[in-house]
C-alpha atoms as a PDB file:
ATOM      1  CA  MET A   1       0.271 -15.346 -25.178  1.00  0.00           C
ATOM      2  CA  ARG A   2       3.588 -13.981 -23.932  1.00  0.00           C
ATOM      3  CA  GLN A   3       3.722 -10.361 -22.782  1.00  0.00           C
ATOM      4  CA  ASN A   4       6.656  -8.027 -23.268  1.00  0.00           C
ATOM      5  CA  LEU A   5       7.799  -6.761 -19.902  1.00  0.00           C
ATOM      6  CA  LYS A   6       8.836  -3.132 -19.777  1.00  0.00           C
ATOM      7  CA  MET A   7      12.074  -3.294 -17.821  1.00  0.00           C
ATOM      8  CA  PRO A   8      13.597   0.013 -16.798  1.00  0.00           C
ATOM      9  CA  ARG A   9      16.964   0.736 -18.378  1.00  0.00           C
ATOM     10  CA  ILE A  10      19.382   3.558 -17.775  1.00  0.00           C
ATOM     11  CA  LEU A  11      20.420   5.262 -21.003  1.00  0.00           C
ATOM     12  CA  LYS A  12      22.569   8.164 -19.852  1.00  0.00           C
ATOM     13  CA  ILE A  13      24.173   9.811 -16.829  1.00  0.00           C
ATOM     14  CA  ASN A  14      23.249  13.513 -16.780  1.00  0.00           C
ATOM     15  CA  TRP A  15      25.305  14.604 -13.792  1.00  0.00           C
ATOM     16  CA  ILE A  16      26.811  13.465 -10.498  1.00  0.00           C
ATOM     17  CA  ASN A  17      26.748  15.596  -7.351  1.00  0.00           C
ATOM     18  CA  GLU A  18      28.241  13.962  -4.267  1.00  0.00           C
ATOM     19  CA  LEU A  19      26.285  10.689  -3.904  1.00  0.00           C
ATOM     20  CA  ASP A  20      23.396  11.805  -6.126  1.00  0.00           C
ATOM     21  CA  ILE A  21      23.284  10.761  -9.763  1.00  0.00           C
ATOM     22  CA  SER A  22      20.856  12.096 -12.356  1.00  0.00           C
ATOM     23  CA  VAL A  23      20.118   9.564 -15.097  1.00  0.00           C
ATOM     24  CA  VAL A  24      17.808   9.216 -18.084  1.00  0.00           C
ATOM     25  CA  PHE A  25      15.663   6.080 -18.048  1.00  0.00           C
ATOM     26  CA  ASN A  26      14.347   4.450 -21.222  1.00  0.00           C
ATOM     27  CA  ASN A  27      10.923   6.022 -20.607  1.00  0.00           C
ATOM     28  CA  GLY A  28      12.592   9.392 -21.330  1.00  0.00           C
ATOM     29  CA  GLU A  29      12.386  10.551 -17.741  1.00  0.00           C
ATOM     30  CA  SER A  30      15.338  12.144 -15.948  1.00  0.00           C
ATOM     31  CA  ARG A  31      15.466  10.955 -12.358  1.00  0.00           C
ATOM     32  CA  ILE A  32      17.776  11.561  -9.413  1.00  0.00           C
ATOM     33  CA  ILE A  33      19.084   8.589  -7.432  1.00  0.00           C
ATOM     34  CA  ASP A  34      20.246   9.321  -3.875  1.00  0.00           C
ATOM     35  CA  PHE A  35      22.807   6.608  -3.198  1.00  0.00           C
ATOM     36  CA  ARG A  36      22.837   7.322   0.529  1.00  0.00           C
ATOM     37  CA  LYS A  37      19.300   5.910   0.582  1.00  0.00           C
ATOM     38  CA  VAL A  38      20.168   3.083  -1.814  1.00  0.00           C
ATOM     39  CA  PHE A  39      23.227   1.987   0.198  1.00  0.00           C
ATOM     40  CA  ASN A  40      21.242   2.187   3.419  1.00  0.00           C
ATOM     41  CA  SER A  41      18.375   0.140   1.990  1.00  0.00           C
ATOM     42  CA  ILE A  42      20.635  -2.652   0.703  1.00  0.00           C
ATOM     43  CA  GLY A  43      22.589  -2.778   3.958  1.00  0.00           C
ATOM     44  CA  VAL A  44      25.992  -1.439   2.903  1.00  0.00           C
ATOM     45  CA  THR A  45      28.233  -1.374   5.993  1.00  0.00           C
ATOM     46  CA  GLU A  46      31.911  -0.598   6.574  1.00  0.00           C
ATOM     47  CA  ALA A  47      32.609  -4.312   6.057  1.00  0.00           C
ATOM     48  CA  SER A  48      30.805  -4.378   2.676  1.00  0.00           C
ATOM     49  CA  PRO A  49      32.855  -4.092  -0.538  1.00  0.00           C
ATOM     50  CA  PRO A  50      30.685  -1.238  -1.907  1.00  0.00           C
ATOM     51  CA  PHE A  51      31.441   0.870   1.204  1.00  0.00           C
ATOM     52  CA  ILE A  52      34.379   2.378  -0.748  1.00  0.00           C
ATOM     53  CA  LEU A  53      31.792   4.186  -2.871  1.00  0.00           C
ATOM     54  CA  TYR A  54      31.189   6.602   0.000  1.00  0.00           C
ATOM     55  CA  ASP A  55      34.566   8.016  -1.132  1.00  0.00           C
ATOM     56  CA  LEU A  56      33.605  10.493  -3.880  1.00  0.00           C
ATOM     57  CA  ALA A  57      36.707   9.695  -5.976  1.00  0.00           C
ATOM     58  CA  GLU A  58      35.644   6.025  -6.056  1.00  0.00           C
ATOM     59  CA  PHE A  59      31.955   6.834  -6.559  1.00  0.00           C
ATOM     60  CA  LEU A  60      32.779   8.952  -9.634  1.00  0.00           C
ATOM     61  CA  LYS A  61      34.176   5.862 -11.399  1.00  0.00           C
ATOM     62  CA  VAL A  62      30.613   4.855 -12.243  1.00  0.00           C
ATOM     63  CA  GLU A  63      29.833   3.664 -15.775  1.00  0.00           C
ATOM     64  CA  ILE A  64      26.769   2.431 -17.572  1.00  0.00           C
ATOM     65  CA  GLN A  65      27.008  -1.303 -18.277  1.00  0.00           C
ATOM     66  CA  ASP A  66      24.073  -3.356 -19.540  1.00  0.00           C
ATOM     67  CA  ASN A  67      21.742  -0.372 -18.995  1.00  0.00           C
ATOM     68  CA  THR A  68      22.441   0.028 -15.302  1.00  0.00           C
ATOM     69  CA  LEU A  69      25.067   1.767 -13.177  1.00  0.00           C
ATOM     70  CA  SER A  70      28.237  -0.210 -12.609  1.00  0.00           C
ATOM     71  CA  TRP A  71      31.449   0.191 -10.585  1.00  0.00           C
ATOM     72  CA  ASN A  72      34.414  -1.992 -11.622  1.00  0.00           C
ATOM     73  CA  ASN A  73      36.484  -0.555  -8.749  1.00  0.00           C
ATOM     74  CA  VAL A  74      34.568  -2.472  -6.057  1.00  0.00           C
ATOM     75  CA  GLU A  75      36.372  -5.672  -5.023  1.00  0.00           C
ATOM     76  CA  GLN A  76      33.486  -8.095  -5.366  1.00  0.00           C
ATOM     77  CA  TYR A  77      33.701 -11.747  -6.373  1.00  0.00           C
ATOM     78  CA  ILE A  78      31.426 -14.637  -7.200  1.00  0.00           C
ATOM     79  CA  THR A  79      32.333 -18.296  -7.271  1.00  0.00           C
ATOM     80  CA  GLY A  80      32.091 -19.950 -10.683  1.00  0.00           C
ATOM     81  CA  ARG A  81      30.900 -23.498 -11.331  1.00  0.00           C
ATOM     82  CA  ASP A  82      34.501 -24.642 -11.342  1.00  0.00           C
ATOM     83  CA  GLY A  83      35.008 -23.225  -7.836  1.00  0.00           C
ATOM     84  CA  ASN A  84      37.211 -20.347  -8.993  1.00  0.00           C
ATOM     85  CA  LYS A  85      36.464 -16.840  -7.802  1.00  0.00           C
ATOM     86  CA  ILE A  86      35.604 -14.309 -10.509  1.00  0.00           C
ATOM     87  CA  LYS A  87      35.760 -10.527 -10.003  1.00  0.00           C
ATOM     88  CA  VAL A  88      32.471  -8.848 -10.978  1.00  0.00           C
ATOM     89  CA  PRO A  89      31.468  -5.187 -10.979  1.00  0.00           C
ATOM     90  CA  PHE A  90      29.174  -3.826  -8.309  1.00  0.00           C
ATOM     91  CA  GLU A  91      25.793  -3.231  -9.911  1.00  0.00           C
ATOM     92  CA  ILE A  92      22.264  -2.591  -8.739  1.00  0.00           C
ATOM     93  CA  GLY A  93      19.455  -3.362 -11.170  1.00  0.00           C
ATOM     94  CA  ALA A  94      17.866  -0.436 -12.969  1.00  0.00           C
ATOM     95  CA  ASP A  95      14.481  -1.560 -11.600  1.00  0.00           C
ATOM     96  CA  VAL A  96      15.719  -1.069  -8.029  1.00  0.00           C
ATOM     97  CA  LEU A  97      17.385   2.243  -8.934  1.00  0.00           C
ATOM     98  CA  LEU A  98      14.123   3.450 -10.483  1.00  0.00           C
ATOM     99  CA  MET A  99      12.321   2.548  -7.267  1.00  0.00           C
ATOM    100  CA  TYR A 100      14.785   4.620  -5.188  1.00  0.00           C
ATOM    101  CA  SER A 101      14.822   7.606  -7.536  1.00  0.00           C
ATOM    102  CA  GLN A 102      12.857  10.834  -7.687  1.00  0.00           C
ATOM    103  CA  PRO A 103      11.810  12.716 -10.829  1.00  0.00           C
ATOM    104  CA  GLU A 104      14.168  15.529 -11.689  1.00  0.00           C
ATOM    105  CA  LYS A 105      12.391  18.845 -12.026  1.00  0.00           C
ATOM    106  CA  ASP A 106      12.619  19.927 -15.635  1.00  0.00           C
ATOM    107  CA  GLU A 107      13.387  23.634 -15.917  1.00  0.00           C
ATOM    108  CA  LEU A 108      11.747  23.756 -19.339  1.00  0.00           C
ATOM    109  CA  SER A 109       8.398  22.459 -18.075  1.00  0.00           C
ATOM    110  CA  ILE A 110       8.538  24.881 -15.131  1.00  0.00           C
ATOM    111  CA  LYS A 111       9.182  27.751 -17.536  1.00  0.00           C
ATOM    112  CA  ILE A 112       6.328  26.643 -19.802  1.00  0.00           C
ATOM    113  CA  GLY A 113       3.931  26.600 -16.845  1.00  0.00           C
ATOM    114  CA  GLN A 114       5.111  30.042 -15.783  1.00  0.00           C
ATOM    115  CA  LEU A 115       4.737  31.358 -19.341  1.00  0.00           C
ATOM    116  CA  VAL A 116       1.207  29.975 -19.645  1.00  0.00           C
ATOM    117  CA  ARG A 117       0.219  31.616 -16.332  1.00  0.00           C
ATOM    118  CA  GLN A 118       1.876  34.907 -17.284  1.00  0.00           C
ATOM    119  CA  GLU A 119       0.161  35.066 -20.686  1.00  0.00           C
ATOM    120  CA  ARG A 120      -3.193  33.999 -19.214  1.00  0.00           C
ATOM    121  CA  LEU A 121      -3.036  36.792 -16.653  1.00  0.00           C
ATOM    122  CA  LYS A 122      -1.954  39.347 -19.305  1.00  0.00           C
ATOM    123  CA  SER A 123      -4.989  38.312 -21.346  1.00  0.00           C
ATOM    124  CA  GLY A 124      -7.256  38.809 -18.326  1.00  0.00           C
ATOM    125  CA  LEU A 125      -8.398  35.190 -18.359  1.00  0.00           C
ATOM    126  CA  THR A 126      -9.118  32.928 -15.425  1.00  0.00           C
ATOM    127  CA  GLN A 127      -7.956  29.327 -15.551  1.00  0.00           C
ATOM    128  CA  LYS A 128     -11.563  28.350 -16.240  1.00  0.00           C
ATOM    129  CA  ASP A 129     -11.824  30.846 -19.142  1.00  0.00           C
ATOM    130  CA  LEU A 130      -8.628  29.510 -20.710  1.00  0.00           C
ATOM    131  CA  ALA A 131      -9.770  25.925 -20.234  1.00  0.00           C
ATOM    132  CA  ILE A 132     -13.099  26.590 -21.978  1.00  0.00           C
ATOM    133  CA  LYS A 133     -11.438  28.429 -24.867  1.00  0.00           C
ATOM    134  CA  SER A 134      -8.820  25.715 -25.378  1.00  0.00           C
ATOM    135  CA  GLY A 135     -11.037  22.672 -24.811  1.00  0.00           C
ATOM    136  CA  THR A 136      -9.348  21.459 -21.624  1.00  0.00           C
ATOM    137  CA  THR A 137     -10.276  21.649 -17.949  1.00  0.00           C
ATOM    138  CA  ARG A 138      -9.483  24.231 -15.296  1.00  0.00           C
ATOM    139  CA  THR A 139      -7.751  21.508 -13.288  1.00  0.00           C
ATOM    140  CA  TYR A 140      -5.493  20.680 -16.239  1.00  0.00           C
ATOM    141  CA  ILE A 141      -4.564  24.360 -16.727  1.00  0.00           C
ATOM    142  CA  SER A 142      -3.761  24.577 -13.010  1.00  0.00           C
ATOM    143  CA  ARG A 143      -1.616  21.445 -13.197  1.00  0.00           C
ATOM    144  CA  ILE A 144       0.343  22.873 -16.144  1.00  0.00           C
ATOM    145  CA  GLU A 145       0.877  26.220 -14.438  1.00  0.00           C
ATOM    146  CA  ASN A 146       2.084  24.485 -11.273  1.00  0.00           C
ATOM    147  CA  ASP A 147       4.308  21.941 -13.073  1.00  0.00           C
ATOM    148  CA  ARG A 148       2.174  19.010 -11.975  1.00  0.00           C
ATOM    149  CA  SER A 149       1.425  17.572 -15.402  1.00  0.00           C
ATOM    150  CA  ASP A 150       3.308  16.460 -18.469  1.00  0.00           C
ATOM    151  CA  LEU A 151       2.271  18.422 -21.496  1.00  0.00           C
ATOM    152  CA  GLU A 152       1.952  17.133 -25.038  1.00  0.00           C
ATOM    153  CA  LEU A 153       3.001  19.506 -27.788  1.00  0.00           C
ATOM    154  CA  ALA A 154      -0.416  19.359 -29.477  1.00  0.00           C
ATOM    155  CA  THR A 155      -2.120  20.328 -26.217  1.00  0.00           C
ATOM    156  CA  LEU A 156       0.338  23.156 -25.595  1.00  0.00           C
ATOM    157  CA  ARG A 157      -0.306  24.447 -29.102  1.00  0.00           C
ATOM    158  CA  LYS A 158      -4.070  24.308 -28.526  1.00  0.00           C
ATOM    159  CA  ILE A 159      -3.764  26.240 -25.253  1.00  0.00           C
ATOM    160  CA  ILE A 160      -1.416  28.885 -26.683  1.00  0.00           C
ATOM    161  CA  GLU A 161      -2.951  29.383 -30.127  1.00  0.00           C
ATOM    162  CA  THR A 162      -6.633  28.643 -29.540  1.00  0.00           C
ATOM    163  CA  GLY A 163      -6.976  29.558 -25.869  1.00  0.00           C
ATOM    164  CA  LEU A 164      -4.656  32.566 -25.683  1.00  0.00           C
ATOM    165  CA  GLY A 165      -4.740  33.618 -29.332  1.00  0.00           C
ATOM    166  CA  LYS A 166      -0.935  33.705 -29.446  1.00  0.00           C
ATOM    167  CA  LYS A 167       1.581  32.006 -31.761  1.00  0.00           C
ATOM    168  CA  LEU A 168       3.647  29.097 -30.435  1.00  0.00           C
ATOM    169  CA  GLU A 169       7.290  29.059 -31.557  1.00  0.00           C
ATOM    170  CA  ILE A 170       9.757  26.378 -30.503  1.00  0.00           C
ATOM    171  CA  SER A 171      13.484  26.382 -31.111  1.00  0.00           C
ATOM    172  CA  ILE A 172      16.358  24.025 -30.361  1.00  0.00           C
ATOM    173  CA  ARG A 173      19.708  25.548 -29.457  1.00  0.00           C
END
């Protein structure tokens, strides 16, 4: 039986800061790619066509093509079957970019962890007390408070409403 391979794909560019790019991968995760490390790892030198991307004006010409990052401004050619040279964009596969990226800290999850800790302390509960009341573990509560764990909405609701006795309200602005 044939398996479906889960290939990483880049869906969106969030921001660019110097040679760092924040992107959203198809798993929903925002990650930061440090292109200094990428260029170093693939051996970009002054003689390499992609070396022009060290110039910020050239680097900013990045686009998403075929679910990866692409630069049409890099003079790069391949030879076709007929022997003619064909200009192609400079691209690095999304799988390689994922490998060289780091998760972007999500301010919302940090705030949620801080809010949980703040409300727990106001209620006079230890992490263990809150875990028992909400049906989780002390380790999980600690991971949430320290932004070390993803949090499902149902679990957050259970912690807030059952564990802390508060009402959870969520809004989108």
